[in-house]
Amino acid sequence: MKNGFKKMAKLKVDLHDIYNKGHQIDRELENVIDEAVDKGIKIVEIIPGKGSGQLKKRVLRFLDRPDIKEKYDRVKKDSKNFGRIFVYFKK
């Protein structure tokens, strides 16, 4: 620990390369959410990119599924970067 701060573990998934492959997007999102739950990770950063906003909407719909929503605590859209979403898990 430096200066009394502990770095929080976080996972990151960038969807730029698979933006047009629906089944692969869902699989990547499911994998990262499950990994966070399994490893006790507190934050997942999802990068849908800026683009037209359709991929971001798809990610938010995915996160709103009841089977997924029960796994995390809250979602925050980055106010400084439209192309980034944070998913926070219960402590």
N, C-alpha and C. Protein backbone atom coordinates (compact mmCIF):
# COMPACT_ATOMS: atom_id res chain seq x y z
N MET A 1 0.84 -1.19 0.00
CA MET A 1 0.00 0.00 0.00
C MET A 1 0.87 1.24 0.00
N LYS A 2 0.54 2.12 -0.86
CA LYS A 2 1.29 3.36 -0.97
C LYS A 2 0.40 4.50 -0.49
N ASN A 3 0.89 5.34 0.36
CA ASN A 3 0.14 6.48 0.88
C ASN A 3 -1.17 6.07 1.54
N GLY A 4 -1.24 4.85 2.05
CA GLY A 4 -2.43 4.40 2.76
C GLY A 4 -3.59 4.00 1.86
N PHE A 5 -3.40 3.98 0.54
CA PHE A 5 -4.48 3.60 -0.37
C PHE A 5 -4.21 2.23 -0.94
N LYS A 6 -5.24 1.41 -0.93
CA LYS A 6 -5.15 0.08 -1.51
C LYS A 6 -5.77 0.13 -2.89
N LYS A 7 -5.08 -0.36 -3.89
CA LYS A 7 -5.63 -0.37 -5.24
C LYS A 7 -6.72 -1.43 -5.33
N MET A 8 -7.87 -1.02 -5.83
CA MET A 8 -9.00 -1.93 -5.94
C MET A 8 -8.89 -2.73 -7.24
N ALA A 9 -9.10 -4.04 -7.11
CA ALA A 9 -9.05 -4.91 -8.29
C ALA A 9 -10.24 -4.62 -9.19
N LYS A 10 -9.98 -4.62 -10.50
CA LYS A 10 -11.01 -4.30 -11.47
C LYS A 10 -10.78 -5.14 -12.72
N LEU A 11 -11.86 -5.53 -13.35
CA LEU A 11 -11.78 -6.20 -14.64
C LEU A 11 -12.24 -5.23 -15.72
N LYS A 12 -11.74 -5.45 -16.92
CA LYS A 12 -12.08 -4.55 -18.03
C LYS A 12 -12.36 -5.39 -19.27
N VAL A 13 -13.42 -5.02 -20.00
CA VAL A 13 -13.72 -5.69 -21.25
C VAL A 13 -13.99 -4.61 -22.30
N ASP A 14 -13.28 -4.71 -23.41
CA ASP A 14 -13.39 -3.76 -24.51
C ASP A 14 -14.13 -4.46 -25.65
N LEU A 15 -15.27 -3.92 -26.04
CA LEU A 15 -16.12 -4.55 -27.05
C LEU A 15 -15.90 -4.01 -28.46
N HIS A 16 -14.93 -3.15 -28.65
CA HIS A 16 -14.69 -2.55 -29.97
C HIS A 16 -14.54 -3.60 -31.08
N ASP A 17 -13.77 -4.63 -30.83
CA ASP A 17 -13.46 -5.61 -31.88
C ASP A 17 -14.62 -6.53 -32.23
N ILE A 18 -15.62 -6.62 -31.36
CA ILE A 18 -16.73 -7.55 -31.61
C ILE A 18 -18.08 -6.83 -31.67
N TYR A 19 -18.06 -5.53 -31.94
CA TYR A 19 -19.27 -4.71 -31.89
C TYR A 19 -20.42 -5.22 -32.75
N ASN A 20 -20.13 -5.98 -33.80
CA ASN A 20 -21.18 -6.45 -34.71
C ASN A 20 -21.44 -7.95 -34.58
N LYS A 21 -21.01 -8.56 -33.49
CA LYS A 21 -21.18 -10.00 -33.28
C LYS A 21 -21.99 -10.23 -32.00
N GLY A 22 -23.31 -10.11 -32.13
CA GLY A 22 -24.22 -10.15 -30.99
C GLY A 22 -24.00 -11.28 -30.01
N HIS A 23 -23.92 -12.52 -30.51
CA HIS A 23 -23.75 -13.67 -29.62
C HIS A 23 -22.43 -13.60 -28.86
N GLN A 24 -21.40 -13.10 -29.51
CA GLN A 24 -20.08 -12.99 -28.88
C GLN A 24 -20.07 -11.88 -27.82
N ILE A 25 -20.81 -10.81 -28.06
CA ILE A 25 -20.91 -9.72 -27.08
C ILE A 25 -21.52 -10.25 -25.79
N ASP A 26 -22.65 -10.94 -25.91
CA ASP A 26 -23.30 -11.49 -24.71
C ASP A 26 -22.39 -12.46 -23.98
N ARG A 27 -21.68 -13.28 -24.73
CA ARG A 27 -20.78 -14.27 -24.11
C ARG A 27 -19.65 -13.56 -23.36
N GLU A 28 -19.06 -12.53 -23.96
CA GLU A 28 -17.99 -11.77 -23.29
C GLU A 28 -18.51 -11.10 -22.01
N LEU A 29 -19.70 -10.51 -22.10
CA LEU A 29 -20.27 -9.86 -20.93
C LEU A 29 -20.58 -10.87 -19.82
N GLU A 30 -21.17 -11.99 -20.19
CA GLU A 30 -21.45 -13.04 -19.19
C GLU A 30 -20.16 -13.52 -18.54
N ASN A 31 -19.12 -13.73 -19.34
CA ASN A 31 -17.85 -14.20 -18.80
C ASN A 31 -17.24 -13.22 -17.81
N VAL A 32 -17.24 -11.93 -18.14
CA VAL A 32 -16.61 -10.95 -17.26
C VAL A 32 -17.42 -10.77 -15.97
N ILE A 33 -18.74 -10.81 -16.07
CA ILE A 33 -19.59 -10.70 -14.88
C ILE A 33 -19.37 -11.91 -13.98
N ASP A 34 -19.37 -13.11 -14.56
CA ASP A 34 -19.15 -14.33 -13.77
C ASP A 34 -17.76 -14.34 -13.14
N GLU A 35 -16.76 -13.89 -13.88
CA GLU A 35 -15.40 -13.84 -13.34
C GLU A 35 -15.33 -12.89 -12.15
N ALA A 36 -15.98 -11.74 -12.26
CA ALA A 36 -15.99 -10.78 -11.16
C ALA A 36 -16.64 -11.39 -9.92
N VAL A 37 -17.75 -12.07 -10.11
CA VAL A 37 -18.45 -12.71 -8.98
C VAL A 37 -17.56 -13.79 -8.38
N ASP A 38 -17.00 -14.66 -9.21
CA ASP A 38 -16.18 -15.78 -8.74
C ASP A 38 -14.93 -15.32 -7.99
N LYS A 39 -14.32 -14.24 -8.45
CA LYS A 39 -13.06 -13.78 -7.86
C LYS A 39 -13.24 -12.67 -6.83
N GLY A 40 -14.47 -12.25 -6.60
CA GLY A 40 -14.72 -11.19 -5.63
C GLY A 40 -14.24 -9.82 -6.10
N ILE A 41 -14.21 -9.62 -7.41
CA ILE A 41 -13.80 -8.33 -7.97
C ILE A 41 -14.93 -7.33 -7.72
N LYS A 42 -14.58 -6.10 -7.40
CA LYS A 42 -15.59 -5.09 -7.04
C LYS A 42 -16.07 -4.24 -8.20
N ILE A 43 -15.26 -4.11 -9.26
CA ILE A 43 -15.63 -3.24 -10.38
C ILE A 43 -15.31 -3.92 -11.71
N VAL A 44 -16.25 -3.82 -12.65
CA VAL A 44 -16.00 -4.22 -14.03
C VAL A 44 -16.19 -2.98 -14.89
N GLU A 45 -15.20 -2.70 -15.72
CA GLU A 45 -15.27 -1.58 -16.66
C GLU A 45 -15.59 -2.16 -18.03
N ILE A 46 -16.68 -1.69 -18.62
CA ILE A 46 -17.09 -2.15 -19.95
C ILE A 46 -16.92 -0.99 -20.92
N ILE A 47 -16.22 -1.26 -22.02
CA ILE A 47 -15.96 -0.23 -23.03
C ILE A 47 -16.75 -0.59 -24.30
N PRO A 48 -17.96 -0.04 -24.45
CA PRO A 48 -18.67 -0.26 -25.70
C PRO A 48 -18.23 0.73 -26.77
N GLY A 49 -17.53 1.77 -26.38
CA GLY A 49 -17.10 2.80 -27.32
C GLY A 49 -18.21 3.82 -27.52
N LYS A 50 -17.88 4.87 -28.23
CA LYS A 50 -18.82 5.97 -28.42
C LYS A 50 -19.74 5.69 -29.59
N GLY A 51 -19.25 5.60 -30.76
CA GLY A 51 -20.03 5.24 -31.96
C GLY A 51 -21.42 5.84 -31.98
N SER A 52 -22.38 5.03 -32.44
CA SER A 52 -23.77 5.49 -32.56
C SER A 52 -24.53 5.36 -31.25
N GLY A 53 -23.96 4.64 -30.29
CA GLY A 53 -24.64 4.43 -29.01
C GLY A 53 -25.43 3.14 -28.96
N GLN A 54 -25.54 2.44 -30.09
CA GLN A 54 -26.31 1.20 -30.12
C GLN A 54 -25.67 0.09 -29.28
N LEU A 55 -24.35 -0.02 -29.32
CA LEU A 55 -23.68 -1.04 -28.53
C LEU A 55 -23.84 -0.75 -27.04
N LYS A 56 -23.74 0.51 -26.66
CA LYS A 56 -23.93 0.88 -25.26
C LYS A 56 -25.35 0.51 -24.81
N LYS A 57 -26.34 0.78 -25.65
CA LYS A 57 -27.72 0.42 -25.32
C LYS A 57 -27.86 -1.08 -25.16
N ARG A 58 -27.19 -1.83 -26.03
CA ARG A 58 -27.24 -3.30 -25.94
C ARG A 58 -26.63 -3.77 -24.62
N VAL A 59 -25.50 -3.18 -24.23
CA VAL A 59 -24.85 -3.54 -22.97
C VAL A 59 -25.77 -3.24 -21.80
N LEU A 60 -26.40 -2.07 -21.81
CA LEU A 60 -27.30 -1.69 -20.71
C LEU A 60 -28.52 -2.63 -20.65
N ARG A 61 -29.04 -3.04 -21.81
CA ARG A 61 -30.14 -4.02 -21.81
C ARG A 61 -29.67 -5.35 -21.24
N PHE A 62 -28.47 -5.77 -21.60
CA PHE A 62 -27.91 -7.01 -21.07
C PHE A 62 -27.82 -6.92 -19.54
N LEU A 63 -27.28 -5.81 -19.05
CA LEU A 63 -27.11 -5.63 -17.60
C LEU A 63 -28.44 -5.56 -16.87
N ASP A 64 -29.51 -5.24 -17.58
CA ASP A 64 -30.83 -5.12 -16.98
C ASP A 64 -31.57 -6.46 -16.93
N ARG A 65 -31.00 -7.49 -17.53
CA ARG A 65 -31.64 -8.82 -17.46
C ARG A 65 -31.70 -9.27 -16.01
N PRO A 66 -32.84 -9.81 -15.56
CA PRO A 66 -32.96 -10.21 -14.15
C PRO A 66 -31.87 -11.18 -13.69
N ASP A 67 -31.47 -12.14 -14.54
CA ASP A 67 -30.46 -13.11 -14.14
C ASP A 67 -29.08 -12.47 -13.99
N ILE A 68 -28.84 -11.37 -14.67
CA ILE A 68 -27.57 -10.66 -14.56
C ILE A 68 -27.64 -9.62 -13.45
N LYS A 69 -28.76 -8.92 -13.38
CA LYS A 69 -28.93 -7.83 -12.41
C LYS A 69 -28.77 -8.31 -10.97
N GLU A 70 -29.12 -9.55 -10.71
CA GLU A 70 -29.00 -10.08 -9.35
C GLU A 70 -27.55 -10.29 -8.92
N LYS A 71 -26.63 -10.24 -9.86
CA LYS A 71 -25.22 -10.50 -9.56
C LYS A 71 -24.43 -9.26 -9.16
N TYR A 72 -24.95 -8.07 -9.47
CA TYR A 72 -24.19 -6.86 -9.17
C TYR A 72 -25.03 -5.88 -8.35
N ASP A 73 -24.36 -4.85 -7.85
CA ASP A 73 -25.01 -3.87 -6.99
C ASP A 73 -25.57 -2.69 -7.78
N ARG A 74 -24.75 -2.09 -8.66
CA ARG A 74 -25.21 -0.93 -9.42
C ARG A 74 -24.37 -0.72 -10.67
N VAL A 75 -24.92 0.08 -11.59
CA VAL A 75 -24.25 0.43 -12.84
C VAL A 75 -24.10 1.94 -12.88
N LYS A 76 -22.94 2.38 -13.35
CA LYS A 76 -22.71 3.82 -13.48
C LYS A 76 -22.16 4.10 -14.88
N LYS A 77 -22.84 5.00 -15.59
CA LYS A 77 -22.34 5.45 -16.88
C LYS A 77 -21.33 6.55 -16.58
N ASP A 78 -20.17 6.46 -17.17
CA ASP A 78 -19.11 7.45 -16.94
C ASP A 78 -19.54 8.80 -17.51
N SER A 79 -19.65 9.79 -16.65
CA SER A 79 -20.10 11.12 -17.09
C SER A 79 -19.04 11.86 -17.91
N LYS A 80 -17.78 11.42 -17.82
CA LYS A 80 -16.70 12.09 -18.55
C LYS A 80 -16.34 11.37 -19.84
N ASN A 81 -16.82 10.12 -19.97
CA ASN A 81 -16.50 9.33 -21.16
C ASN A 81 -17.75 8.53 -21.55
N PHE A 82 -18.47 9.01 -22.56
CA PHE A 82 -19.72 8.38 -22.99
C PHE A 82 -19.55 6.90 -23.33
N GLY A 83 -18.36 6.50 -23.75
CA GLY A 83 -18.11 5.13 -24.19
C GLY A 83 -17.63 4.19 -23.11
N ARG A 84 -18.01 4.46 -21.85
CA ARG A 84 -17.53 3.60 -20.75
C ARG A 84 -18.63 3.43 -19.71
N ILE A 85 -18.77 2.19 -19.22
CA ILE A 85 -19.76 1.84 -18.20
C ILE A 85 -19.03 1.09 -17.09
N PHE A 86 -19.37 1.42 -15.85
CA PHE A 86 -18.82 0.70 -14.70
C PHE A 86 -19.92 -0.11 -14.04
N VAL A 87 -19.60 -1.35 -13.69
CA VAL A 87 -20.52 -2.21 -12.96
C VAL A 87 -19.87 -2.48 -11.61
N TYR A 88 -20.61 -2.15 -10.54
CA TYR A 88 -20.09 -2.31 -9.18
C TYR A 88 -20.77 -3.50 -8.52
N PHE A 89 -19.97 -4.28 -7.82
CA PHE A 89 -20.46 -5.48 -7.16
C PHE A 89 -20.54 -5.28 -5.66
N LYS A 90 -21.43 -6.02 -5.04
CA LYS A 90 -21.61 -5.92 -3.60
C LYS A 90 -20.32 -6.26 -2.87
N LYS A 91 -20.13 -5.57 -1.77
CA LYS A 91 -18.89 -5.77 -1.00
C LYS A 91 -19.03 -6.91 -0.05
